[in-house]
Amino acid sequence: MIIVMQVGASPEEIQAVADAIREQGLEPLVLPGEDRVAIGIPAAVQPDQRDHLESVLANLTGINKITVTSRPYKLASLEYHRDRTVVELPNTKVGPETFTIFGGPCSIEGYDEFREAALVVKQAGAQVLRGGAFKPRTSPYSFQGLAEEGLRIMQSVGKELGLATITEVMSADKVGVVAEHVDILQIGARSMQNFPLLIEAGKSGKPVFLKRGPSASVDEFLLAAEYVLNQGNPNVILCERGVMPIDKSYTRNTLDLSVVPVLKDYSHLPVVVDPSHGTGVAKYVAPMAKAAVMVGADGLMIEMHPSPKHALSDGSQALTSDQFSALMGDLKKLTPLVGRTW
């Protein structure tokens, strides 16, 4: 439920509404706007409780309208939070007027290799350095990452080059150590509904980069974000990285670009697109990246590797250094057309 106050409603009128909500055993969420205040109720309100509350509020002054929301998520909803969220990062931000590139290899393979990739990312103009220290792999025999050594490498290279850093955290018990080394915690697609992990990531206070599960609906995706937001952490970035394909003969996943404007309609959270995992094929990354700009994405996560054929994981979807730099040049020309700056 959302109570929209009249333009010019007094602080006393706003307080009276908030007090009336608390008297019903509910906690109000006051949402200041440019010209008026809205008051939301994040918790579920039962029909009989809602009817009684509406009758109580009807006797109060300063209310413009009362809206009953049907969506199961509240804190992630644009109805509750009418201003678009801007996530502040070291030396950059993710939000509606900027365009942010998260670039780097799938895995951190060693200091020299990672620094070489990071230099390409930096020189091409990307703002955030990505790389996996812990790698969730389908096969237990595949490269699993360098773990804490990888975290130390990422922290060192990120500080040296002045880049914000992001890596995936796979379990709730690893949130603390990962948060000590990087600027952004990534929740991978396989972990989107790992609720203990989402809660701990929210408690960390670090920005959380949440990837959509391969078969997750929009509501499920935003409810996963709700777990993080419910811990008092407002810094959530949504990432579309592809859904289960009908035919896996051509692409690893089906990149659902239509979900970007849908998420923008229903949520205030920034939305980033990952065309590398979304296609799984390097030659398709650039066209899908450009398409993501035009549908309203706030940024891109792109895998690159100085030598993809020697990559220890996901080499087939990684751009070479030249391909990455060329794509960045194209994006710098394209983003001003949609009112974005780097």
C-alpha atoms as a PDB file:
ATOM      1  CA  MET A   1       0.000   0.000   0.000  1.00  0.00           C
ATOM      2  CA  ILE A   2       1.184   3.517  -0.832  1.00  0.00           C
ATOM      3  CA  ILE A   3      -0.282   6.738   0.555  1.00  0.00           C
ATOM      4  CA  VAL A   4       0.478   9.722  -1.663  1.00  0.00           C
ATOM      5  CA  MET A   5       0.341  13.000   0.243  1.00  0.00           C
ATOM      6  CA  GLN A   6      -0.935  16.256  -1.235  1.00  0.00           C
ATOM      7  CA  VAL A   7       1.488  18.824  -2.587  1.00  0.00           C
ATOM      8  CA  GLY A   8       2.451  20.998   0.350  1.00  0.00           C
ATOM      9  CA  ALA A   9       1.321  18.540   3.028  1.00  0.00           C
ATOM     10  CA  SER A  10       2.684  19.698   6.371  1.00  0.00           C
ATOM     11  CA  PRO A  11       5.171  17.705   8.462  1.00  0.00           C
ATOM     12  CA  GLU A  12       2.430  17.302  11.068  1.00  0.00           C
ATOM     13  CA  GLU A  13       0.054  15.755   8.514  1.00  0.00           C
ATOM     14  CA  ILE A  14       2.764  13.392   7.307  1.00  0.00           C
ATOM     15  CA  GLN A  15       3.572  12.405  10.892  1.00  0.00           C
ATOM     16  CA  ALA A  16      -0.101  11.788  11.654  1.00  0.00           C
ATOM     17  CA  VAL A  17      -0.362   9.334   8.755  1.00  0.00           C
ATOM     18  CA  ALA A  18       2.826   7.550   9.825  1.00  0.00           C
ATOM     19  CA  ASP A  19       1.545   7.302  13.404  1.00  0.00           C
ATOM     20  CA  ALA A  20      -1.791   5.885  12.231  1.00  0.00           C
ATOM     21  CA  ILE A  21       0.023   3.178  10.284  1.00  0.00           C
ATOM     22  CA  ARG A  22       2.175   2.271  13.307  1.00  0.00           C
ATOM     23  CA  GLU A  23      -0.955   1.970  15.458  1.00  0.00           C
ATOM     24  CA  GLN A  24      -2.018  -0.872  13.146  1.00  0.00           C
ATOM     25  CA  GLY A  25       1.207  -2.758  13.865  1.00  0.00           C
ATOM     26  CA  LEU A  26       2.799  -1.795  10.536  1.00  0.00           C
ATOM     27  CA  GLU A  27       5.973   0.161   9.863  1.00  0.00           C
ATOM     28  CA  PRO A  28       5.661   3.116   7.443  1.00  0.00           C
ATOM     29  CA  LEU A  29       8.337   3.980   4.913  1.00  0.00           C
ATOM     30  CA  VAL A  30       8.397   7.741   4.264  1.00  0.00           C
ATOM     31  CA  LEU A  31       9.517   8.534   0.711  1.00  0.00           C
ATOM     32  CA  PRO A  32      10.234  12.226   0.083  1.00  0.00           C
ATOM     33  CA  GLY A  33       9.781  13.397  -3.513  1.00  0.00           C
ATOM     34  CA  GLU A  34      10.441  16.586  -5.437  1.00  0.00           C
ATOM     35  CA  ASP A  35       6.971  18.030  -4.881  1.00  0.00           C
ATOM     36  CA  ARG A  36       5.212  15.665  -2.506  1.00  0.00           C
ATOM     37  CA  VAL A  37       5.763  12.845  -0.028  1.00  0.00           C
ATOM     38  CA  ALA A  38       4.620   9.249  -0.384  1.00  0.00           C
ATOM     39  CA  ILE A  39       4.355   6.808   2.512  1.00  0.00           C
ATOM     40  CA  GLY A  40       4.720   3.131   1.754  1.00  0.00           C
ATOM     41  CA  ILE A  41       4.033   0.015   3.801  1.00  0.00           C
ATOM     42  CA  PRO A  42       6.619  -2.624   2.805  1.00  0.00           C
ATOM     43  CA  ALA A  43       5.014  -5.447   4.803  1.00  0.00           C
ATOM     44  CA  ALA A  44       2.084  -7.439   3.453  1.00  0.00           C
ATOM     45  CA  VAL A  45      -1.266  -5.954   4.472  1.00  0.00           C
ATOM     46  CA  GLN A  46      -4.158  -8.391   4.860  1.00  0.00           C
ATOM     47  CA  PRO A  47      -7.484  -7.431   3.207  1.00  0.00           C
ATOM     48  CA  ASP A  48      -9.350  -6.884   6.504  1.00  0.00           C
ATOM     49  CA  GLN A  49      -6.427  -4.912   7.936  1.00  0.00           C
ATOM     50  CA  ARG A  50      -6.245  -2.852   4.741  1.00  0.00           C
ATOM     51  CA  ASP A  51      -9.954  -1.985   4.895  1.00  0.00           C
ATOM     52  CA  HIS A  52      -9.645  -0.824   8.501  1.00  0.00           C
ATOM     53  CA  LEU A  53      -6.500   1.196   7.773  1.00  0.00           C
ATOM     54  CA  GLU A  54      -8.141   2.892   4.784  1.00  0.00           C
ATOM     55  CA  SER A  55     -11.082   3.929   6.966  1.00  0.00           C
ATOM     56  CA  VAL A  56      -8.698   5.341   9.576  1.00  0.00           C
ATOM     57  CA  LEU A  57      -6.688   7.252   6.978  1.00  0.00           C
ATOM     58  CA  ALA A  58      -9.857   8.636   5.397  1.00  0.00           C
ATOM     59  CA  ASN A  59     -10.289  10.833   8.476  1.00  0.00           C
ATOM     60  CA  LEU A  60      -6.842  12.382   8.159  1.00  0.00           C
ATOM     61  CA  THR A  61      -5.937  15.522   6.223  1.00  0.00           C
ATOM     62  CA  GLY A  62      -3.200  15.995   3.647  1.00  0.00           C
ATOM     63  CA  ILE A  63      -3.720  12.717   1.759  1.00  0.00           C
ATOM     64  CA  ASN A  64      -4.098  12.847  -2.028  1.00  0.00           C
ATOM     65  CA  LYS A  65      -4.726   9.157  -2.752  1.00  0.00           C
ATOM     66  CA  ILE A  66      -4.190   5.636  -1.441  1.00  0.00           C
ATOM     67  CA  THR A  67      -2.904   2.988  -3.827  1.00  0.00           C
ATOM     68  CA  VAL A  68      -2.919  -0.748  -3.162  1.00  0.00           C
ATOM     69  CA  THR A  69       0.031  -2.402  -4.844  1.00  0.00           C
ATOM     70  CA  SER A  70      -0.265  -5.881  -6.289  1.00  0.00           C
ATOM     71  CA  ARG A  71       3.425  -6.605  -6.749  1.00  0.00           C
ATOM     72  CA  PRO A  72       5.058  -8.849  -4.127  1.00  0.00           C
ATOM     73  CA  TYR A  73       8.215  -6.743  -3.921  1.00  0.00           C
ATOM     74  CA  LYS A  74       8.051  -3.376  -2.196  1.00  0.00           C
ATOM     75  CA  LEU A  75      11.499  -1.919  -1.564  1.00  0.00           C
ATOM     76  CA  ALA A  76      12.560  -2.666  -5.150  1.00  0.00           C
ATOM     77  CA  SER A  77       9.382  -1.134  -6.554  1.00  0.00           C
ATOM     78  CA  LEU A  78       9.337   2.147  -8.440  1.00  0.00           C
ATOM     79  CA  GLU A  79       6.012   2.862  -6.741  1.00  0.00           C
ATOM     80  CA  TYR A  80       7.729   2.974  -3.360  1.00  0.00           C
ATOM     81  CA  HIS A  81      10.966   4.600  -4.446  1.00  0.00           C
ATOM     82  CA  ARG A  82      10.127   7.124  -7.150  1.00  0.00           C
ATOM     83  CA  ASP A  83      13.670   8.392  -7.658  1.00  0.00           C
ATOM     84  CA  ARG A  84      15.984   6.191  -9.706  1.00  0.00           C
ATOM     85  CA  THR A  85      18.720   4.667  -7.585  1.00  0.00           C
ATOM     86  CA  VAL A  86      22.283   5.737  -8.313  1.00  0.00           C
ATOM     87  CA  VAL A  87      24.908   3.347  -6.940  1.00  0.00           C
ATOM     88  CA  GLU A  88      28.097   5.187  -6.037  1.00  0.00           C
ATOM     89  CA  LEU A  89      31.347   3.316  -6.675  1.00  0.00           C
ATOM     90  CA  PRO A  90      34.999   4.368  -6.323  1.00  0.00           C
ATOM     91  CA  ASN A  91      35.649   6.832  -9.163  1.00  0.00           C
ATOM     92  CA  THR A  92      32.326   6.130 -10.913  1.00  0.00           C
ATOM     93  CA  LYS A  93      28.611   5.447 -10.432  1.00  0.00           C
ATOM     94  CA  VAL A  94      25.822   3.378 -11.950  1.00  0.00           C
ATOM     95  CA  GLY A  95      22.563   5.121 -12.695  1.00  0.00           C
ATOM     96  CA  PRO A  96      20.205   6.725 -15.205  1.00  0.00           C
ATOM     97  CA  GLU A  97      22.490   9.386 -16.706  1.00  0.00           C
ATOM     98  CA  THR A  98      25.803   7.534 -16.846  1.00  0.00           C
ATOM     99  CA  PHE A  99      27.010   4.414 -18.621  1.00  0.00           C
ATOM    100  CA  THR A 100      29.259   1.996 -16.758  1.00  0.00           C
ATOM    101  CA  ILE A 101      31.414  -0.776 -18.232  1.00  0.00           C
ATOM    102  CA  PHE A 102      32.425  -3.767 -16.129  1.00  0.00           C
ATOM    103  CA  GLY A 103      35.268  -5.441 -18.015  1.00  0.00           C
ATOM    104  CA  GLY A 104      37.845  -8.149 -17.495  1.00  0.00           C
ATOM    105  CA  PRO A 105      38.489 -11.886 -17.767  1.00  0.00           C
ATOM    106  CA  CYS A 106      36.190 -14.610 -16.534  1.00  0.00           C
ATOM    107  CA  SER A 107      38.809 -15.878 -14.074  1.00  0.00           C
ATOM    108  CA  ILE A 108      41.791 -14.382 -12.287  1.00  0.00           C
ATOM    109  CA  GLU A 109      44.549 -16.687 -13.522  1.00  0.00           C
ATOM    110  CA  GLY A 110      47.579 -14.968 -12.004  1.00  0.00           C
ATOM    111  CA  TYR A 111      48.933 -11.510 -11.237  1.00  0.00           C
ATOM    112  CA  ASP A 112      50.691 -10.869 -14.549  1.00  0.00           C
ATOM    113  CA  GLU A 113      47.817 -12.158 -16.665  1.00  0.00           C
ATOM    114  CA  PHE A 114      45.227 -10.209 -14.689  1.00  0.00           C
ATOM    115  CA  ARG A 115      47.199  -6.983 -14.711  1.00  0.00           C
ATOM    116  CA  GLU A 116      47.625  -7.236 -18.475  1.00  0.00           C
ATOM    117  CA  ALA A 117      43.862  -7.570 -18.906  1.00  0.00           C
ATOM    118  CA  ALA A 118      43.225  -4.751 -16.428  1.00  0.00           C
ATOM    119  CA  LEU A 119      45.458  -2.398 -18.400  1.00  0.00           C
ATOM    120  CA  VAL A 120      43.359  -3.032 -21.501  1.00  0.00           C
ATOM    121  CA  VAL A 121      40.181  -2.398 -19.492  1.00  0.00           C
ATOM    122  CA  LYS A 122      41.585   0.842 -18.089  1.00  0.00           C
ATOM    123  CA  GLN A 123      42.975   2.170 -21.370  1.00  0.00           C
ATOM    124  CA  ALA A 124      39.733   1.421 -23.224  1.00  0.00           C
ATOM    125  CA  GLY A 125      37.801   3.571 -20.766  1.00  0.00           C
ATOM    126  CA  ALA A 126      35.957   0.945 -18.698  1.00  0.00           C
ATOM    127  CA  GLN A 127      35.400   1.931 -15.085  1.00  0.00           C
ATOM    128  CA  VAL A 128      35.060  -1.391 -13.226  1.00  0.00           C
ATOM    129  CA  LEU A 129      37.418  -4.378 -13.273  1.00  0.00           C
ATOM    130  CA  ARG A 130      35.786  -7.790 -13.156  1.00  0.00           C
ATOM    131  CA  GLY A 131      37.302 -11.224 -12.591  1.00  0.00           C
ATOM    132  CA  GLY A 132      36.435 -14.433 -10.808  1.00  0.00           C
ATOM    133  CA  ALA A 133      38.351 -15.557  -7.729  1.00  0.00           C
ATOM    134  CA  PHE A 134      35.860 -18.302  -6.862  1.00  0.00           C
ATOM    135  CA  LYS A 135      34.424 -19.941  -9.979  1.00  0.00           C
ATOM    136  CA  PRO A 136      31.178 -21.962  -9.915  1.00  0.00           C
ATOM    137  CA  ARG A 137      31.771 -24.511 -12.663  1.00  0.00           C
ATOM    138  CA  THR A 138      29.432 -27.184 -13.969  1.00  0.00           C
ATOM    139  CA  SER A 139      32.192 -29.789 -13.810  1.00  0.00           C
ATOM    140  CA  PRO A 140      34.191 -30.345 -10.596  1.00  0.00           C
ATOM    141  CA  TYR A 141      37.231 -30.968 -12.786  1.00  0.00           C
ATOM    142  CA  SER A 142      37.185 -27.492 -14.359  1.00  0.00           C
ATOM    143  CA  PHE A 143      39.295 -24.605 -13.076  1.00  0.00           C
ATOM    144  CA  GLN A 144      37.715 -23.393  -9.835  1.00  0.00           C
ATOM    145  CA  GLY A 145      39.630 -20.129  -9.432  1.00  0.00           C
ATOM    146  CA  LEU A 146      42.477 -18.973  -7.196  1.00  0.00           C
ATOM    147  CA  ALA A 147      40.184 -18.257  -4.222  1.00  0.00           C
ATOM    148  CA  GLU A 148      41.712 -15.862  -1.672  1.00  0.00           C
ATOM    149  CA  GLU A 149      44.900 -15.481  -3.684  1.00  0.00           C
ATOM    150  CA  GLY A 150      42.718 -14.238  -6.518  1.00  0.00           C
ATOM    151  CA  LEU A 151      41.052 -11.726  -4.201  1.00  0.00           C
ATOM    152  CA  ARG A 152      44.430 -10.333  -3.192  1.00  0.00           C
ATOM    153  CA  ILE A 153      45.483 -10.037  -6.824  1.00  0.00           C
ATOM    154  CA  MET A 154      42.272  -8.209  -7.716  1.00  0.00           C
ATOM    155  CA  GLN A 155      42.613  -5.814  -4.801  1.00  0.00           C
ATOM    156  CA  SER A 156      46.220  -5.040  -5.670  1.00  0.00           C
ATOM    157  CA  VAL A 157      45.627  -4.485  -9.386  1.00  0.00           C
ATOM    158  CA  GLY A 158      42.440  -2.475  -8.813  1.00  0.00           C
ATOM    159  CA  LYS A 159      44.191  -0.092  -6.423  1.00  0.00           C
ATOM    160  CA  GLU A 160      47.212   0.241  -8.687  1.00  0.00           C
ATOM    161  CA  LEU A 161      45.124   1.224 -11.706  1.00  0.00           C
ATOM    162  CA  GLY A 162      42.373   3.137  -9.914  1.00  0.00           C
ATOM    163  CA  LEU A 163      39.561   0.828 -10.982  1.00  0.00           C
ATOM    164  CA  ALA A 164      36.570  -0.264  -8.928  1.00  0.00           C
ATOM    165  CA  THR A 165      36.489  -4.058  -8.562  1.00  0.00           C
ATOM    166  CA  ILE A 166      33.815  -6.754  -8.653  1.00  0.00           C
ATOM    167  CA  THR A 167      33.921 -10.494  -8.110  1.00  0.00           C
ATOM    168  CA  GLU A 168      31.422 -13.228  -7.355  1.00  0.00           C
ATOM    169  CA  VAL A 169      30.737 -14.483  -3.850  1.00  0.00           C
ATOM    170  CA  MET A 170      29.338 -18.004  -3.831  1.00  0.00           C
ATOM    171  CA  SER A 171      28.308 -18.646  -0.229  1.00  0.00           C
ATOM    172  CA  ALA A 172      27.189 -16.725   2.835  1.00  0.00           C
ATOM    173  CA  ASP A 173      30.289 -17.690   4.813  1.00  0.00           C
ATOM    174  CA  LYS A 174      32.550 -16.085   2.178  1.00  0.00           C
ATOM    175  CA  VAL A 175      30.849 -12.679   2.154  1.00  0.00           C
ATOM    176  CA  GLY A 176      33.156 -11.237   4.809  1.00  0.00           C
ATOM    177  CA  VAL A 177      36.437 -12.154   3.152  1.00  0.00           C
ATOM    178  CA  VAL A 178      35.267 -11.124  -0.321  1.00  0.00           C
ATOM    179  CA  ALA A 179      33.928  -7.813   0.985  1.00  0.00           C
ATOM    180  CA  GLU A 180      37.328  -7.057   2.523  1.00  0.00           C
ATOM    181  CA  HIS A 181      39.018  -7.198  -0.886  1.00  0.00           C
ATOM    182  CA  VAL A 182      36.597  -5.843  -3.505  1.00  0.00           C
ATOM    183  CA  ASP A 183      34.220  -2.922  -4.003  1.00  0.00           C
ATOM    184  CA  ILE A 184      31.176  -4.817  -5.355  1.00  0.00           C
ATOM    185  CA  LEU A 185      29.804  -8.237  -4.464  1.00  0.00           C
ATOM    186  CA  GLN A 186      28.454 -10.194  -7.418  1.00  0.00           C
ATOM    187  CA  ILE A 187      25.687 -12.727  -6.859  1.00  0.00           C
ATOM    188  CA  GLY A 188      25.814 -15.139  -9.783  1.00  0.00           C
ATOM    189  CA  ALA A 189      22.833 -16.496 -11.685  1.00  0.00           C
ATOM    190  CA  ARG A 190      23.119 -19.872  -9.964  1.00  0.00           C
ATOM    191  CA  SER A 191      22.921 -18.125  -6.578  1.00  0.00           C
ATOM    192  CA  MET A 192      20.075 -15.703  -7.284  1.00  0.00           C
ATOM    193  CA  GLN A 193      17.771 -17.533  -4.876  1.00  0.00           C
ATOM    194  CA  ASN A 194      20.421 -18.440  -2.316  1.00  0.00           C
ATOM    195  CA  PHE A 195      18.582 -16.477   0.345  1.00  0.00           C
ATOM    196  CA  PRO A 196      21.158 -16.793   3.168  1.00  0.00           C
ATOM    197  CA  LEU A 197      23.764 -15.448   0.728  1.00  0.00           C
ATOM    198  CA  LEU A 198      21.519 -12.541  -0.291  1.00  0.00           C
ATOM    199  CA  ILE A 199      20.923 -11.644   3.353  1.00  0.00           C
ATOM    200  CA  GLU A 200      24.627 -11.685   4.247  1.00  0.00           C
ATOM    201  CA  ALA A 201      25.509  -9.692   1.129  1.00  0.00           C
ATOM    202  CA  GLY A 202      22.913  -7.124   2.151  1.00  0.00           C
ATOM    203  CA  LYS A 203      24.328  -6.926   5.663  1.00  0.00           C
ATOM    204  CA  SER A 204      27.828  -6.289   4.303  1.00  0.00           C
ATOM    205  CA  GLY A 205      26.855  -2.790   3.169  1.00  0.00           C
ATOM    206  CA  LYS A 206      28.756  -3.310  -0.084  1.00  0.00           C
ATOM    207  CA  PRO A 207      27.054  -2.666  -3.426  1.00  0.00           C
ATOM    208  CA  VAL A 208      25.508  -5.912  -4.679  1.00  0.00           C
ATOM    209  CA  PHE A 209      25.474  -6.861  -8.370  1.00  0.00           C
ATOM    210  CA  LEU A 210      22.631  -9.362  -8.748  1.00  0.00           C
ATOM    211  CA  LYS A 211      22.421 -11.581 -11.832  1.00  0.00           C
ATOM    212  CA  ARG A 212      19.120 -12.963 -13.017  1.00  0.00           C
ATOM    213  CA  GLY A 213      18.733 -16.736 -12.807  1.00  0.00           C
ATOM    214  CA  PRO A 214      18.444 -18.535 -16.162  1.00  0.00           C
ATOM    215  CA  SER A 215      14.796 -19.458 -15.556  1.00  0.00           C
ATOM    216  CA  ALA A 216      13.786 -16.651 -13.178  1.00  0.00           C
ATOM    217  CA  SER A 217      10.708 -14.535 -13.746  1.00  0.00           C
ATOM    218  CA  VAL A 218      10.790 -10.767 -13.292  1.00  0.00           C
ATOM    219  CA  ASP A 219       8.993 -11.049  -9.951  1.00  0.00           C
ATOM    220  CA  GLU A 220      11.440 -13.700  -8.719  1.00  0.00           C
ATOM    221  CA  PHE A 221      14.361 -11.529  -9.799  1.00  0.00           C
ATOM    222  CA  LEU A 222      13.063  -8.456  -7.990  1.00  0.00           C
ATOM    223  CA  LEU A 223      12.152 -10.463  -4.899  1.00  0.00           C
ATOM    224  CA  ALA A 224      15.772 -11.649  -4.772  1.00  0.00           C
ATOM    225  CA  ALA A 225      16.816  -7.980  -4.830  1.00  0.00           C
ATOM    226  CA  GLU A 226      14.274  -7.384  -2.064  1.00  0.00           C
ATOM    227  CA  TYR A 227      16.251  -9.685   0.240  1.00  0.00           C
ATOM    228  CA  VAL A 228      19.294  -7.426  -0.095  1.00  0.00           C
ATOM    229  CA  LEU A 229      17.306  -4.195   0.202  1.00  0.00           C
ATOM    230  CA  ASN A 230      15.513  -5.526   3.259  1.00  0.00           C
ATOM    231  CA  GLN A 231      18.847  -5.545   5.106  1.00  0.00           C
ATOM    232  CA  GLY A 232      19.047  -1.769   4.772  1.00  0.00           C
ATOM    233  CA  ASN A 233      21.411  -1.923   1.800  1.00  0.00           C
ATOM    234  CA  PRO A 234      20.065   0.315  -1.014  1.00  0.00           C
ATOM    235  CA  ASN A 235      22.946  -0.320  -3.419  1.00  0.00           C
ATOM    236  CA  VAL A 236      21.673  -3.087  -5.681  1.00  0.00           C
ATOM    237  CA  ILE A 237      22.469  -3.376  -9.392  1.00  0.00           C
ATOM    238  CA  LEU A 238      20.363  -5.771 -11.472  1.00  0.00           C
ATOM    239  CA  CYS A 239      22.020  -7.722 -14.289  1.00  0.00           C
ATOM    240  CA  GLU A 240      20.325  -9.455 -17.207  1.00  0.00           C
ATOM    241  CA  ARG A 241      22.627 -12.267 -18.390  1.00  0.00           C
ATOM    242  CA  GLY A 242      20.357 -14.432 -20.503  1.00  0.00           C
ATOM    243  CA  VAL A 243      17.667 -17.026 -19.917  1.00  0.00           C
ATOM    244  CA  MET A 244      17.417 -20.670 -20.908  1.00  0.00           C
ATOM    245  CA  PRO A 245      17.473 -20.946 -24.714  1.00  0.00           C
ATOM    246  CA  ILE A 246      15.066 -22.976 -26.810  1.00  0.00           C
ATOM    247  CA  ASP A 247      17.982 -24.120 -28.968  1.00  0.00           C
ATOM    248  CA  LYS A 248      21.500 -24.300 -27.517  1.00  0.00           C
ATOM    249  CA  SER A 249      23.030 -25.078 -30.901  1.00  0.00           C
ATOM    250  CA  TYR A 250      23.805 -21.424 -31.564  1.00  0.00           C
ATOM    251  CA  THR A 251      24.035 -19.499 -28.289  1.00  0.00           C
ATOM    252  CA  ARG A 252      24.704 -20.379 -24.663  1.00  0.00           C
ATOM    253  CA  ASN A 253      21.628 -18.442 -23.488  1.00  0.00           C
ATOM    254  CA  THR A 254      18.939 -16.188 -24.912  1.00  0.00           C
ATOM    255  CA  LEU A 255      19.715 -12.591 -23.964  1.00  0.00           C
ATOM    256  CA  ASP A 256      16.376 -11.126 -22.889  1.00  0.00           C
ATOM    257  CA  LEU A 257      16.822  -7.463 -23.784  1.00  0.00           C
ATOM    258  CA  SER A 258      13.080  -6.888 -23.464  1.00  0.00           C
ATOM    259  CA  VAL A 259      13.451  -7.292 -19.704  1.00  0.00           C
ATOM    260  CA  VAL A 260      15.488  -4.060 -19.479  1.00  0.00           C
ATOM    261  CA  PRO A 261      12.579  -1.669 -20.176  1.00  0.00           C
ATOM    262  CA  VAL A 262      10.282  -3.944 -18.158  1.00  0.00           C
ATOM    263  CA  LEU A 263      12.552  -3.665 -15.111  1.00  0.00           C
ATOM    264  CA  LYS A 264      12.762   0.090 -15.651  1.00  0.00           C
ATOM    265  CA  ASP A 265       8.949   0.263 -15.574  1.00  0.00           C
ATOM    266  CA  TYR A 266       8.619  -1.573 -12.284  1.00  0.00           C
ATOM    267  CA  SER A 267      11.847  -0.931 -10.365  1.00  0.00           C
ATOM    268  CA  HIS A 268      14.076   2.029  -9.500  1.00  0.00           C
ATOM    269  CA  LEU A 269      17.230  -0.111  -9.470  1.00  0.00           C
ATOM    270  CA  PRO A 270      19.883   0.282 -12.199  1.00  0.00           C
ATOM    271  CA  VAL A 271      20.028  -2.442 -14.842  1.00  0.00           C
ATOM    272  CA  VAL A 272      23.210  -3.767 -16.451  1.00  0.00           C
ATOM    273  CA  VAL A 273      23.365  -6.259 -19.337  1.00  0.00           C
ATOM    274  CA  ASP A 274      25.906  -9.073 -19.715  1.00  0.00           C
ATOM    275  CA  PRO A 275      26.067  -9.993 -23.429  1.00  0.00           C
ATOM    276  CA  SER A 276      29.034 -12.313 -22.851  1.00  0.00           C
ATOM    277  CA  HIS A 277      27.098 -14.854 -20.793  1.00  0.00           C
ATOM    278  CA  GLY A 278      23.925 -13.883 -22.631  1.00  0.00           C
ATOM    279  CA  THR A 279      25.259 -15.294 -25.895  1.00  0.00           C
ATOM    280  CA  GLY A 280      28.326 -17.344 -24.980  1.00  0.00           C
ATOM    281  CA  VAL A 281      29.800 -16.539 -28.389  1.00  0.00           C
ATOM    282  CA  ALA A 282      32.377 -13.756 -28.745  1.00  0.00           C
ATOM    283  CA  LYS A 283      31.241 -12.597 -32.194  1.00  0.00           C
ATOM    284  CA  TYR A 284      27.729 -11.904 -30.921  1.00  0.00           C
ATOM    285  CA  VAL A 285      28.821  -9.844 -27.925  1.00  0.00           C
ATOM    286  CA  ALA A 286      29.346  -6.522 -29.708  1.00  0.00           C
ATOM    287  CA  PRO A 287      25.974  -6.355 -31.530  1.00  0.00           C
ATOM    288  CA  MET A 288      24.080  -7.328 -28.388  1.00  0.00           C
ATOM    289  CA  ALA A 289      26.062  -4.819 -26.331  1.00  0.00           C
ATOM    290  CA  LYS A 290      25.081  -2.038 -28.727  1.00  0.00           C
ATOM    291  CA  ALA A 291      21.453  -3.163 -28.663  1.00  0.00           C
ATOM    292  CA  ALA A 292      21.519  -3.056 -24.854  1.00  0.00           C
ATOM    293  CA  VAL A 293      22.473   0.621 -24.985  1.00  0.00           C
ATOM    294  CA  MET A 294      19.422   1.415 -27.093  1.00  0.00           C
ATOM    295  CA  VAL A 295      16.930  -0.400 -24.842  1.00  0.00           C
ATOM    296  CA  GLY A 296      18.000   1.633 -21.817  1.00  0.00           C
ATOM    297  CA  ALA A 297      20.678  -0.384 -19.999  1.00  0.00           C
ATOM    298  CA  ASP A 298      22.731   1.537 -17.433  1.00  0.00           C
ATOM    299  CA  GLY A 299      25.871  -0.401 -18.260  1.00  0.00           C
ATOM    300  CA  LEU A 300      27.443  -3.574 -19.598  1.00  0.00           C
ATOM    301  CA  MET A 301      29.479  -6.432 -18.186  1.00  0.00           C
ATOM    302  CA  ILE A 302      31.838  -7.725 -20.866  1.00  0.00           C
ATOM    303  CA  GLU A 303      34.394 -10.488 -20.679  1.00  0.00           C
ATOM    304  CA  MET A 304      37.744  -9.915 -22.344  1.00  0.00           C
ATOM    305  CA  HIS A 305      41.018 -11.838 -22.264  1.00  0.00           C
ATOM    306  CA  PRO A 306      44.373 -10.966 -23.872  1.00  0.00           C
ATOM    307  CA  SER A 307      44.446 -14.500 -25.313  1.00  0.00           C
ATOM    308  CA  PRO A 308      40.989 -16.121 -25.220  1.00  0.00           C
ATOM    309  CA  LYS A 309      42.210 -19.412 -26.674  1.00  0.00           C
ATOM    310  CA  HIS A 310      44.431 -19.831 -23.610  1.00  0.00           C
ATOM    311  CA  ALA A 311      41.768 -18.744 -21.077  1.00  0.00           C
ATOM    312  CA  LEU A 312      41.149 -21.214 -18.252  1.00  0.00           C
ATOM    313  CA  SER A 313      37.392 -20.574 -18.386  1.00  0.00           C
ATOM    314  CA  ASP A 314      34.832 -19.223 -20.890  1.00  0.00           C
ATOM    315  CA  GLY A 315      37.353 -18.380 -23.596  1.00  0.00           C
ATOM    316  CA  SER A 316      34.706 -18.836 -26.287  1.00  0.00           C
ATOM    317  CA  GLN A 317      32.795 -15.745 -25.136  1.00  0.00           C
ATOM    318  CA  ALA A 318      35.743 -13.501 -24.284  1.00  0.00           C
ATOM    319  CA  LEU A 319      36.745 -10.625 -26.555  1.00  0.00           C
ATOM    320  CA  THR A 320      40.382 -10.101 -27.438  1.00  0.00           C
ATOM    321  CA  SER A 321      42.069  -6.901 -26.299  1.00  0.00           C
ATOM    322  CA  ASP A 322      41.612  -5.351 -29.762  1.00  0.00           C
ATOM    323  CA  GLN A 323      37.979  -6.406 -29.985  1.00  0.00           C
ATOM    324  CA  PHE A 324      37.255  -4.996 -26.520  1.00  0.00           C
ATOM    325  CA  SER A 325      38.931  -1.681 -27.298  1.00  0.00           C
ATOM    326  CA  ALA A 326      37.087  -1.409 -30.622  1.00  0.00           C
ATOM    327  CA  LEU A 327      33.748  -2.068 -28.927  1.00  0.00           C
ATOM    328  CA  MET A 328      34.466   0.568 -26.293  1.00  0.00           C
ATOM    329  CA  GLY A 329      35.138   3.068 -29.077  1.00  0.00           C
ATOM    330  CA  ASP A 330      31.808   2.247 -30.711  1.00  0.00           C
ATOM    331  CA  LEU A 331      29.946   2.524 -27.415  1.00  0.00           C
ATOM    332  CA  LYS A 332      31.427   5.953 -26.705  1.00  0.00           C
ATOM    333  CA  LYS A 333      29.869   7.137 -29.958  1.00  0.00           C
ATOM    334  CA  LEU A 334      26.556   5.425 -29.302  1.00  0.00           C
ATOM    335  CA  THR A 335      25.816   6.285 -25.668  1.00  0.00           C
ATOM    336  CA  PRO A 336      25.470  10.084 -26.192  1.00  0.00           C
ATOM    337  CA  LEU A 337      22.549   9.328 -28.519  1.00  0.00           C
ATOM    338  CA  VAL A 338      20.574   8.109 -25.514  1.00  0.00           C
ATOM    339  CA  GLY A 339      21.740  10.838 -23.152  1.00  0.00           C
ATOM    340  CA  ARG A 340      24.446   8.863 -21.392  1.00  0.00           C
ATOM    341  CA  THR A 341      27.891  10.001 -20.299  1.00  0.00           C
ATOM    342  CA  TRP A 342      30.956   7.988 -19.290  1.00  0.00           C
END
